[in-house]
N, C-alpha and C. Protein backbone atom coordinates (compact mmCIF):
# COMPACT_ATOMS: atom_id res chain seq x y z
N MET A 1 32.62 1.55 0.86
CA MET A 1 31.43 1.00 0.97
C MET A 1 30.60 1.83 1.97
N MET A 2 29.42 1.77 0.99
CA MET A 2 28.62 2.84 1.30
C MET A 2 27.14 1.89 2.66
N ASN A 3 27.57 2.45 4.16
CA ASN A 3 26.65 1.84 4.82
C ASN A 3 24.96 2.27 4.41
N ARG A 4 24.43 1.12 5.26
CA ARG A 4 23.12 0.34 4.31
C ARG A 4 22.26 0.91 5.92
N LYS A 5 20.96 1.70 5.49
CA LYS A 5 19.74 2.28 6.71
C LYS A 5 19.33 1.16 7.16
N HIS A 6 19.24 0.52 8.41
CA HIS A 6 18.47 -0.75 8.35
C HIS A 6 16.85 -0.52 8.81
N VAL A 7 16.27 -0.50 8.51
CA VAL A 7 14.71 -0.02 7.96
C VAL A 7 13.55 -2.12 9.04
N ARG A 8 13.59 -1.13 10.20
CA ARG A 8 12.53 -2.32 10.58
C ARG A 8 11.04 -2.75 10.50
N CYS A 9 10.37 -3.79 9.82
CA CYS A 9 8.91 -4.47 9.07
C CYS A 9 8.06 -4.88 9.62
N ILE A 10 7.24 -4.12 9.99
CA ILE A 10 6.41 -4.67 11.29
C ILE A 10 5.07 -5.00 10.75
N CYS A 11 4.27 -6.22 10.02
CA CYS A 11 2.91 -6.54 9.87
C CYS A 11 2.75 -7.74 9.84
N HIS A 12 1.51 -7.91 9.58
CA HIS A 12 0.87 -9.00 10.13
C HIS A 12 0.34 -10.06 8.89
N SER A 13 0.66 -9.33 7.90
CA SER A 13 0.98 -10.57 6.48
C SER A 13 1.83 -11.83 6.25
N ALA A 14 0.85 -12.62 5.47
CA ALA A 14 1.67 -13.78 5.49
C ALA A 14 3.11 -13.66 4.71
N PHE A 15 3.15 -12.54 4.09
CA PHE A 15 4.63 -11.99 3.44
C PHE A 15 5.47 -11.94 4.16
N ALA A 16 5.47 -11.48 5.19
CA ALA A 16 6.75 -11.07 6.43
C ALA A 16 7.10 -12.45 6.96
N VAL A 17 6.16 -13.91 6.21
CA VAL A 17 6.67 -15.04 7.26
C VAL A 17 7.36 -15.55 6.00
N TYR A 18 6.20 -15.77 4.76
CA TYR A 18 6.42 -16.81 4.04
C TYR A 18 6.51 -15.52 2.74
N PRO A 19 7.63 -15.51 2.02
CA PRO A 19 8.19 -14.08 0.71
C PRO A 19 7.64 -14.72 -0.41
N ASP A 20 7.03 -15.56 -0.58
CA ASP A 20 6.77 -15.74 -2.27
C ASP A 20 5.01 -15.57 -1.68
N ALA A 21 4.43 -15.31 -0.50
CA ALA A 21 3.06 -15.45 -0.15
C ALA A 21 2.54 -14.19 -1.01
N GLU A 22 0.93 -14.02 -1.50
CA GLU A 22 0.57 -13.16 -2.18
C GLU A 22 -0.61 -12.14 -1.31
N GLU A 23 -0.61 -11.33 -1.01
CA GLU A 23 -1.92 -10.37 -0.76
C GLU A 23 -1.73 -9.29 -1.82
N PRO A 24 -2.82 -9.18 -1.70
CA PRO A 24 -4.25 -7.86 -2.14
C PRO A 24 -3.45 -6.40 -1.78
N TRP A 25 -2.94 -6.27 -0.21
CA TRP A 25 -3.43 -5.24 0.10
C TRP A 25 -2.22 -5.48 1.77
N SER A 26 -1.44 -4.39 1.89
CA SER A 26 -1.05 -4.55 3.55
C SER A 26 -1.00 -3.75 4.12
N ASP A 27 -1.23 -3.05 5.36
CA ASP A 27 -0.28 -1.94 6.29
C ASP A 27 0.89 -2.53 6.98
N VAL A 28 1.88 -2.08 6.45
CA VAL A 28 3.44 -2.65 7.32
C VAL A 28 4.20 -1.57 8.45
N TRP A 29 3.85 -1.12 9.56
CA TRP A 29 4.85 -0.21 10.35
C TRP A 29 6.24 -0.79 9.50
N VAL A 30 6.79 0.49 9.42
CA VAL A 30 8.78 0.91 8.92
C VAL A 30 9.05 1.00 10.47
N ARG A 31 9.90 1.22 10.55
CA ARG A 31 11.31 2.14 12.16
C ARG A 31 12.49 2.13 11.75
N TRP A 32 12.55 3.06 11.25
CA TRP A 32 14.20 3.36 11.44
C TRP A 32 14.89 4.74 12.90
N ARG A 33 16.54 4.35 12.83
CA ARG A 33 17.39 5.43 13.57
C ARG A 33 17.51 6.27 12.31
N ASP A 34 16.90 7.79 12.83
CA ASP A 34 17.36 9.25 12.02
C ASP A 34 18.80 9.79 12.63
N ARG A 35 18.29 9.83 12.88
CA ARG A 35 20.04 10.36 14.28
C ARG A 35 20.44 9.41 15.52
N PRO A 36 21.37 9.65 16.17
CA PRO A 36 21.19 9.41 17.49
C PRO A 36 19.94 9.52 18.52
N GLY A 37 19.39 8.34 19.52
CA GLY A 37 18.77 8.83 20.32
C GLY A 37 16.95 9.25 19.46
N ARG A 38 16.78 9.01 18.40
CA ARG A 38 15.51 9.46 17.89
C ARG A 38 15.22 8.08 16.52
N VAL A 39 14.05 8.38 16.70
CA VAL A 39 13.80 6.62 15.51
C VAL A 39 12.51 7.58 14.76
N ARG A 40 11.98 7.03 13.69
CA ARG A 40 11.09 7.29 12.53
C ARG A 40 10.45 6.06 12.34
N ALA A 41 9.14 6.55 12.71
CA ALA A 41 8.13 5.08 12.66
C ALA A 41 6.78 6.28 11.25
N TYR A 42 6.64 4.79 10.66
CA TYR A 42 5.57 5.43 9.54
C TYR A 42 4.83 3.55 9.20
N GLY A 43 3.24 4.17 9.44
CA GLY A 43 2.18 2.83 8.90
C GLY A 43 1.87 3.32 7.56
N PRO A 44 2.68 2.84 6.30
CA PRO A 44 1.65 2.81 5.27
C PRO A 44 1.33 2.01 5.06
N THR A 45 0.57 1.89 3.72
CA THR A 45 -0.62 1.09 3.19
C THR A 45 -0.51 0.67 1.93
N LEU A 46 0.71 -0.80 2.04
CA LEU A 46 0.95 -1.19 0.54
C LEU A 46 -0.39 -1.83 -0.12
N ILE A 47 -0.51 -1.42 -2.23
CA ILE A 47 -1.66 -1.81 -2.32
C ILE A 47 -1.05 -1.85 -3.57
N SER A 48 -1.60 -3.06 -3.88
CA SER A 48 -1.64 -3.78 -5.05
C SER A 48 -2.66 -3.57 -5.82
N ARG A 49 -2.11 -3.50 -7.96
CA ARG A 49 -3.18 -3.61 -8.40
C ARG A 49 -4.42 -4.55 -8.51
N ALA A 50 -3.77 -5.85 -8.17
CA ALA A 50 -6.08 -6.18 -7.91
C ALA A 50 -6.52 -5.87 -7.05
N ASP A 51 -6.21 -5.15 -6.02
CA ASP A 51 -7.18 -3.92 -5.56
C ASP A 51 -7.79 -3.24 -5.26
N VAL A 52 -7.06 -2.72 -6.68
CA VAL A 52 -7.37 -1.60 -6.93
C VAL A 52 -8.84 -1.77 -8.24
N LEU A 53 -7.99 -2.95 -8.08
CA LEU A 53 -8.87 -3.86 -9.73
C LEU A 53 -10.00 -3.91 -8.93
N GLY A 54 -10.14 -4.04 -7.82
CA GLY A 54 -11.30 -5.11 -6.84
C GLY A 54 -12.44 -3.96 -7.00
N GLU A 55 -11.57 -3.16 -6.68
CA GLU A 55 -12.30 -1.51 -5.91
C GLU A 55 -13.26 -1.32 -7.63
N VAL A 56 -12.64 -0.85 -8.48
CA VAL A 56 -13.55 -0.60 -9.86
C VAL A 56 -14.35 -1.69 -9.74
N GLU A 57 -14.59 -3.05 -9.81
CA GLU A 57 -15.26 -4.20 -10.41
C GLU A 57 -16.17 -3.80 -8.80
N LYS A 58 -16.33 -3.68 -8.14
CA LYS A 58 -17.06 -3.46 -6.62
C LYS A 58 -17.75 -2.76 -7.31
N TYR A 59 -17.87 -1.51 -7.37
CA TYR A 59 -18.54 0.51 -7.60
C TYR A 59 -19.53 -0.27 -8.96
N GLU A 60 -18.94 -1.42 -10.06
CA GLU A 60 -19.25 -1.04 -11.12
C GLU A 60 -20.72 -1.76 -10.99
N PHE A 61 -20.38 -3.71 -10.43
CA PHE A 61 -21.54 -4.36 -9.29
C PHE A 61 -22.54 -3.30 -8.31
N LEU A 62 -21.90 -2.50 -7.81
CA LEU A 62 -22.33 -1.95 -6.79
C LEU A 62 -23.97 -0.72 -7.15
N ILE A 63 -23.27 0.32 -8.64
CA ILE A 63 -24.34 1.61 -8.51
C ILE A 63 -25.63 0.88 -9.77
N PRO A 64 -26.16 -0.51 -10.22
CA PRO A 64 -27.10 -0.65 -9.94
C PRO A 64 -28.31 -1.11 -9.21
N HIS A 65 -26.96 -1.80 -8.11
CA HIS A 65 -27.77 -2.63 -7.36
C HIS A 65 -28.77 -1.17 -6.44
N TYR A 66 -27.67 -0.48 -6.27
CA TYR A 66 -28.09 0.92 -5.44
C TYR A 66 -29.83 1.35 -5.97
N SER A 67 -28.91 1.54 -7.23
CA SER A 67 -30.34 2.10 -7.87
C SER A 67 -32.02 1.85 -7.72
N LYS A 68 -31.79 0.15 -7.82
CA LYS A 68 -33.32 -0.82 -7.74
C LYS A 68 -33.53 -0.31 -5.92
N ASP A 69 -32.43 -0.68 -5.43
CA ASP A 69 -33.04 -0.51 -4.11
C ASP A 69 -32.90 0.86 -3.40
N GLY A 70 -33.17 2.42 -4.00
CA GLY A 70 -33.35 3.51 -3.52
C GLY A 70 -32.29 3.58 -2.62
N SER A 71 -31.33 3.58 -2.81
CA SER A 71 -29.99 3.96 -1.63
C SER A 71 -29.24 4.91 -2.79
N THR A 72 -30.47 6.06 -2.46
CA THR A 72 -29.08 7.27 -3.59
C THR A 72 -28.05 7.35 -2.80
N GLU A 73 -27.90 7.57 -1.21
CA GLU A 73 -26.42 7.74 -0.60
C GLU A 73 -25.43 7.21 -1.29
N MET A 74 -25.78 5.59 -1.58
CA MET A 74 -24.50 5.64 -1.76
C MET A 74 -24.31 5.16 -2.72
N GLU A 75 -25.42 4.63 -3.73
CA GLU A 75 -24.96 5.37 -5.26
C GLU A 75 -24.11 6.26 -6.00
N GLN A 76 -24.67 7.41 -4.64
CA GLN A 76 -23.93 8.49 -5.10
C GLN A 76 -22.76 8.65 -4.85
N PHE A 77 -22.00 8.53 -3.63
CA PHE A 77 -20.61 8.15 -3.17
C PHE A 77 -19.70 6.89 -4.00
N SER A 78 -21.24 5.58 -4.62
CA SER A 78 -20.08 4.95 -5.51
C SER A 78 -19.58 5.82 -6.50
N ARG A 79 -20.75 6.30 -7.59
CA ARG A 79 -20.69 7.00 -8.61
C ARG A 79 -19.28 8.09 -8.43
N GLU A 80 -19.01 8.84 -7.25
CA GLU A 80 -18.02 9.51 -7.14
C GLU A 80 -16.69 8.68 -7.44
N GLU A 81 -16.90 7.64 -6.49
CA GLU A 81 -15.83 7.30 -6.39
C GLU A 81 -15.10 5.92 -7.26
N LEU A 82 -16.06 5.36 -8.32
CA LEU A 82 -15.94 4.63 -9.43
C LEU A 82 -14.98 5.38 -10.81
N PRO A 83 -14.90 7.17 -10.62
CA PRO A 83 -13.78 7.39 -11.35
C PRO A 83 -12.27 7.65 -10.79
N LYS A 84 -12.45 7.86 -9.46
CA LYS A 84 -11.37 8.11 -8.95
C LYS A 84 -10.56 6.81 -8.76
N ALA A 85 -11.56 5.54 -8.82
CA ALA A 85 -10.46 4.07 -8.55
C ALA A 85 -10.23 3.76 -10.50
N ARG A 86 -11.22 4.51 -11.01
CA ARG A 86 -10.29 4.36 -12.47
C ARG A 86 -9.09 4.69 -12.52
N GLU A 87 -8.82 6.23 -12.78
CA GLU A 87 -8.73 6.99 -12.72
C GLU A 87 -6.87 6.11 -12.50
N LEU A 88 -7.09 5.80 -11.16
CA LEU A 88 -6.11 4.93 -10.43
C LEU A 88 -5.51 3.85 -11.11
N LEU A 89 -6.36 2.84 -11.66
CA LEU A 89 -5.63 1.86 -12.94
C LEU A 89 -5.52 2.66 -13.56
N ALA A 90 -5.71 2.92 -13.94
CA ALA A 90 -4.93 4.02 -15.15
C ALA A 90 -3.66 4.23 -15.42
N ARG A 91 -3.61 4.77 -13.77
CA ARG A 91 -2.42 5.96 -13.13
C ARG A 91 -0.96 4.35 -13.38
N LEU A 92 -1.99 3.00 -12.50
CA LEU A 92 -1.40 2.32 -12.11
C LEU A 92 -0.59 1.72 -13.91
N ASP A 93 -1.29 1.59 -15.29
CA ASP A 93 -0.84 0.55 -15.92
C ASP A 93 0.50 1.55 -16.79
N ALA A 94 0.26 2.86 -16.62
CA ALA A 94 1.01 4.06 -16.70
C ALA A 94 2.88 4.02 -16.12
N GLU A 95 2.33 3.86 -14.56
CA GLU A 95 3.14 3.81 -13.57
C GLU A 95 3.41 2.72 -12.97
N ARG A 96 5.09 2.96 -12.46
CA ARG A 96 5.42 1.56 -11.51
C ARG A 96 4.78 1.72 -10.19
N TYR A 97 5.33 2.89 -9.61
CA TYR A 97 4.47 3.02 -8.48
C TYR A 97 4.04 4.34 -8.60
N ILE A 98 2.96 4.93 -7.66
CA ILE A 98 2.44 5.93 -7.27
C ILE A 98 2.48 5.59 -5.71
N ILE A 99 2.34 7.50 -5.56
CA ILE A 99 3.15 7.82 -4.18
C ILE A 99 1.81 8.24 -3.32
N ASP A 100 0.70 8.45 -2.56
CA ASP A 100 -0.59 8.93 -2.66
C ASP A 100 0.22 10.00 -1.78
N ASP A 101 0.59 11.29 -2.00
CA ASP A 101 1.06 12.18 -1.76
C ASP A 101 0.09 13.58 -0.70
N GLU A 102 -1.15 13.59 -1.14
CA GLU A 102 -2.57 14.40 -0.91
C GLU A 102 -2.38 14.74 1.07
N LYS A 103 -1.60 14.12 1.30
CA LYS A 103 -0.97 14.20 3.04
C LYS A 103 0.18 13.88 3.00
N PRO A 104 1.11 14.95 2.37
CA PRO A 104 2.36 14.58 3.18
C PRO A 104 3.57 14.23 4.26
N SER A 105 2.52 14.82 5.08
CA SER A 105 3.40 15.02 6.80
C SER A 105 2.54 13.98 7.11
N GLU A 106 1.42 13.40 6.75
CA GLU A 106 0.52 11.87 7.58
C GLU A 106 2.02 10.88 7.21
N HIS A 107 1.79 9.97 8.65
CA HIS A 107 2.59 9.07 8.54
C HIS A 107 1.98 7.51 8.75
N THR A 108 0.85 7.88 7.55
CA THR A 108 -0.07 6.46 6.35
C THR A 108 -0.25 7.11 5.51
N PRO A 109 1.43 7.07 4.36
CA PRO A 109 0.44 6.98 2.98
C PRO A 109 -0.10 6.20 2.12
N ASN A 110 -0.80 5.80 1.22
CA ASN A 110 -1.23 4.87 0.88
C ASN A 110 -0.22 4.88 -0.33
N LEU A 111 0.17 3.55 -0.58
CA LEU A 111 0.82 3.35 -1.40
C LEU A 111 1.41 2.05 -2.66
N TYR A 112 1.20 2.82 -3.64
CA TYR A 112 0.70 1.80 -4.85
C TYR A 112 1.66 1.40 -5.70
N THR A 113 1.30 -0.15 -6.07
CA THR A 113 2.29 -1.12 -7.11
C THR A 113 1.59 -1.38 -8.12
N ALA A 114 2.51 -0.97 -9.15
CA ALA A 114 1.43 -1.88 -10.56
C ALA A 114 1.41 -3.06 -10.31
N ALA A 115 2.26 -3.84 -9.63
CA ALA A 115 2.53 -5.76 -9.23
C ALA A 115 1.08 -5.89 -9.64
N GLU A 116 0.70 -7.03 -9.58
CA GLU A 116 -0.63 -8.04 -9.88
C GLU A 116 -0.56 -7.72 -8.28
N TRP A 117 -0.22 -8.76 -7.59
CA TRP A 117 0.25 -8.52 -6.30
C TRP A 117 1.16 -8.45 -5.13
N LEU A 118 1.07 -8.24 -3.77
CA LEU A 118 2.25 -7.94 -2.70
C LEU A 118 2.62 -9.15 -2.44
N THR A 119 3.93 -9.18 -2.23
CA THR A 119 5.44 -10.03 -2.01
C THR A 119 6.01 -9.06 -1.12
N ARG A 120 7.01 -10.32 -0.27
CA ARG A 120 7.94 -9.46 0.13
C ARG A 120 8.74 -8.76 -0.84
N ALA A 121 9.21 -8.90 -1.96
CA ALA A 121 10.28 -8.09 -2.82
C ALA A 121 9.27 -7.19 -3.57
N THR A 122 8.18 -7.43 -4.20
CA THR A 122 6.75 -6.15 -4.36
C THR A 122 7.01 -5.03 -3.17
N ALA A 123 7.28 -5.41 -1.96
CA ALA A 123 6.58 -4.82 -1.45
C ALA A 123 8.07 -3.56 -1.00
N GLU A 124 9.77 -4.65 -0.64
CA GLU A 124 10.17 -4.06 0.00
C GLU A 124 10.82 -3.10 -1.67
N ASP A 125 10.60 -3.53 -2.58
CA ASP A 125 10.88 -2.46 -4.01
C ASP A 125 9.67 -0.70 -3.70
N LEU A 126 8.86 -0.76 -2.97
CA LEU A 126 7.65 0.27 -2.82
C LEU A 126 7.94 0.29 -1.92
N LEU A 127 8.70 0.08 -0.55
CA LEU A 127 8.53 1.27 0.47
C LEU A 127 10.61 1.89 0.21
N ALA A 128 11.27 0.60 -0.48
CA ALA A 128 12.53 1.47 -1.48
C ALA A 128 11.94 2.60 -2.13
N VAL A 129 11.13 2.35 -2.62
CA VAL A 129 11.24 3.34 -3.25
C VAL A 129 10.47 5.43 -2.60
N TRP A 130 9.60 4.71 -1.75
CA TRP A 130 8.68 5.68 -0.88
C TRP A 130 10.24 6.39 -0.06
N LEU A 131 10.37 5.21 0.47
CA LEU A 131 11.66 5.72 1.23
C LEU A 131 12.99 6.45 1.05
N LEU A 132 13.19 6.90 -0.06
CA LEU A 132 14.18 7.52 -1.18
C LEU A 132 13.23 8.49 -1.90
N ASP A 133 11.73 8.99 -1.98
CA ASP A 133 11.18 10.26 -2.30
C ASP A 133 11.22 10.35 -1.04
N ALA A 134 10.73 10.22 -0.30
CA ALA A 134 9.78 10.56 1.20
C ALA A 134 10.21 11.29 2.14
N HIS A 135 11.66 10.57 2.39
CA HIS A 135 12.69 10.86 2.94
C HIS A 135 14.32 10.15 2.67
N GLY A 136 14.53 10.41 1.69
CA GLY A 136 15.94 10.44 0.91
C GLY A 136 17.16 9.27 1.83
N ILE A 137 16.16 8.61 1.83
CA ILE A 137 16.63 7.27 2.13
C ILE A 137 17.27 6.05 1.26
N ARG A 138 18.39 6.10 0.57
CA ARG A 138 19.19 5.15 -0.51
C ARG A 138 19.53 3.70 0.06
N ASN A 139 19.34 2.99 -0.63
CA ASN A 139 20.34 1.97 -0.13
C ASN A 139 19.59 1.01 1.06
N ALA A 140 18.12 0.79 1.71
CA ALA A 140 17.36 0.55 2.33
C ALA A 140 18.09 -0.83 2.51
N LYS A 141 17.87 -1.63 4.26
CA LYS A 141 18.14 -2.96 3.78
C LYS A 141 16.80 -3.29 5.28
N PHE A 142 15.90 -3.80 4.98
CA PHE A 142 14.74 -4.17 5.54
C PHE A 142 14.81 -5.23 5.84
N GLU A 143 14.53 -5.42 7.31
CA GLU A 143 14.25 -6.55 8.37
C GLU A 143 13.03 -6.65 8.95
N TRP A 144 12.62 -7.85 8.72
CA TRP A 144 11.32 -8.54 8.75
C TRP A 144 11.00 -8.86 10.19
N ASP A 145 9.95 -8.82 11.24
CA ASP A 145 9.63 -9.24 12.28
C ASP A 145 8.61 -9.99 11.72
N ARG A 146 9.18 -11.42 12.30
CA ARG A 146 7.99 -12.20 12.68
C ARG A 146 5.92 -12.57 13.24
N PRO A 147 5.50 -12.08 12.75
CA PRO A 147 4.57 -11.61 13.43
C PRO A 147 3.81 -12.86 13.79
N LYS A 148 2.91 -12.73 15.76
CA LYS A 148 2.73 -13.74 16.56
C LYS A 148 1.53 -14.78 15.40
N ILE A 149 0.30 -13.21 15.09
CA ILE A 149 -0.82 -14.11 14.33
C ILE A 149 -1.00 -13.17 12.99
N PHE A 150 -1.55 -13.73 11.64
CA PHE A 150 -1.65 -13.28 10.66
C PHE A 150 -2.85 -13.02 10.49
N VAL A 151 -3.01 -11.60 10.02
CA VAL A 151 -4.84 -10.87 9.85
C VAL A 151 -4.53 -11.29 7.21
N ARG A 152 -5.42 -12.16 6.98
CA ARG A 152 -5.27 -12.22 5.80
C ARG A 152 -6.46 -11.27 5.39
N SER A 153 -5.70 -10.95 4.34
CA SER A 153 -6.81 -9.43 3.48
C SER A 153 -7.52 -9.84 2.76
N VAL A 154 -7.62 -11.37 1.77
CA VAL A 154 -8.08 -11.73 1.26
C VAL A 154 -9.90 -12.70 1.59
C-alpha cells in the first residue's frame, strides 16, 4: 500500500466548508511536511474558466469606454491585456489545466482549470496536478481547514 502525502488546505472560500459551492477563483494556502522538521508552504491562486472569460469580457467592454473618456493609459493597458486573456481562454479550451510557470520558484503561482467553476473537487484535481508537476507529490490526501470567515469572490 502506498503512503499518502497529507496536504493541509486553508482558504476562505465557501468550498472549504461546502464541497459543492462554486467560486470563480480562490487563494488557497497549502502546507505539507517534506522531511521530518521541514514544512513546505505555498499560496497558489486557483482560477476557473469563468474568471478568465470575465477578464476577456471586461477588457472588451472597457476599451471603447476608455477611448471616449480620453484615458489613454488605461485604454493601452486594456488593449495589451485583452490578447493575453483571449490566448489563455483559447488554451483552456484545448488543455484541462494550465500552471503559470513564469516564476517557478515563486510560492504563489496561478493555476488555471478548464472547469467552468471551482468546487472542492476541481480545486483538489488542480492542486494534485500542480503538486505532481512542481513537487513530485503523488497520491495527495487533502485536508481542508474550516475557515472562521468567508471571502466571497463574486
